[in-house]
Amino acid sequence: MATFTGYVAEVMEDKIRVTPTREAEPFDGIVFHLEDRFSNEEPFFVGQSVRVEHDERLTRSLPPQATAHRVDVL
């Protein structure tokens, strides 16, 4: 497992985009798909500092995408 620490830049249905800085370009960061178990947790907000645990399998799209297995709000 790998981790990515940054800021929530965009919240979409079943996914979030996390960037390394608050001042992000549209293709910065990683889009994380959220598993079904995240639907019972608190919603994510733009600007939150988070640490995302994922499986290191990133797509080649811009921005890259991965599946989040754990998200901790810092």
Protein backbone atom coordinates (compact mmCIF):
# COMPACT_ATOMS: atom_id res chain seq x y z
CA MET A 1 0.00 0.00 0.00
CA ALA A 2 1.05 3.56 -0.68
CA THR A 3 -0.11 6.85 0.80
CA PHE A 4 -0.69 10.26 -0.74
CA THR A 5 -1.05 13.32 1.49
CA GLY A 6 -2.59 16.51 0.22
CA TYR A 7 -5.72 18.63 -0.01
CA VAL A 8 -9.15 17.81 -1.40
CA ALA A 9 -9.45 19.93 -4.56
CA GLU A 10 -12.70 18.51 -5.92
CA VAL A 11 -15.53 16.32 -4.59
CA MET A 12 -17.52 14.26 -7.09
CA GLU A 13 -19.96 11.41 -6.68
CA ASP A 14 -17.96 8.39 -5.44
CA LYS A 15 -14.55 10.06 -5.97
CA ILE A 16 -12.34 12.92 -4.80
CA ARG A 17 -9.39 14.71 -6.40
CA VAL A 18 -6.49 15.25 -4.00
CA THR A 19 -3.62 17.63 -4.83
CA PRO A 20 -0.27 18.18 -3.11
CA THR A 21 -0.96 21.92 -2.61
CA ARG A 22 -4.07 24.06 -2.13
CA GLU A 23 -3.28 26.05 -5.30
CA ALA A 24 -3.83 23.31 -7.86
CA GLU A 25 -4.28 23.19 -11.61
CA PRO A 26 -7.16 21.11 -13.03
CA PHE A 27 -4.87 18.17 -13.87
CA ASP A 28 -2.81 18.23 -10.65
CA GLY A 29 -3.07 15.49 -8.07
CA ILE A 30 -4.78 12.12 -8.16
CA VAL A 31 -8.47 11.21 -8.53
CA PHE A 32 -9.37 8.58 -5.94
CA HIS A 33 -12.39 6.36 -6.45
CA LEU A 34 -14.11 5.76 -3.11
CA GLU A 35 -15.33 2.30 -2.21
CA ASP A 36 -18.94 1.78 -1.05
CA ARG A 37 -17.96 1.81 2.62
CA PHE A 38 -17.07 5.52 2.39
CA SER A 39 -20.75 6.39 1.79
CA ASN A 40 -21.47 5.91 5.53
CA GLU A 41 -18.70 8.28 6.65
CA GLU A 42 -18.59 12.05 6.93
CA PRO A 43 -18.61 13.86 3.58
CA PHE A 44 -15.38 15.34 2.24
CA PHE A 45 -15.00 19.08 1.68
CA VAL A 46 -12.77 21.08 -0.66
CA GLY A 47 -9.70 22.30 1.23
CA GLN A 48 -9.56 19.46 3.76
CA SER A 49 -6.12 18.04 4.45
CA VAL A 50 -6.21 14.25 3.92
CA ARG A 51 -3.98 11.21 3.77
CA VAL A 52 -5.17 8.57 1.29
CA GLU A 53 -4.04 4.95 1.39
CA HIS A 54 -4.21 3.30 -2.03
CA ASP A 55 -2.82 0.27 -3.86
CA GLU A 56 -0.26 2.09 -6.08
CA ARG A 57 -2.05 1.08 -9.30
CA LEU A 58 -2.50 4.42 -11.04
CA THR A 59 -4.08 4.89 -14.46
CA ARG A 60 -2.21 6.77 -17.17
CA SER A 61 -4.97 9.36 -17.51
CA LEU A 62 -4.54 13.01 -16.53
CA PRO A 63 -4.97 13.29 -13.64
CA PRO A 64 -4.11 9.69 -12.75
CA GLN A 65 -6.74 7.66 -10.93
CA ALA A 66 -6.59 5.01 -8.20
CA THR A 67 -8.89 3.35 -5.68
CA ALA A 68 -8.76 4.67 -2.14
CA HIS A 69 -8.79 2.01 0.57
CA ARG A 70 -8.57 4.42 3.50
CA VAL A 71 -8.88 8.20 3.83
CA ASP A 72 -7.85 10.00 7.01
CA VAL A 73 -8.80 13.65 7.51
CA LEU A 74 -5.82 15.41 9.08
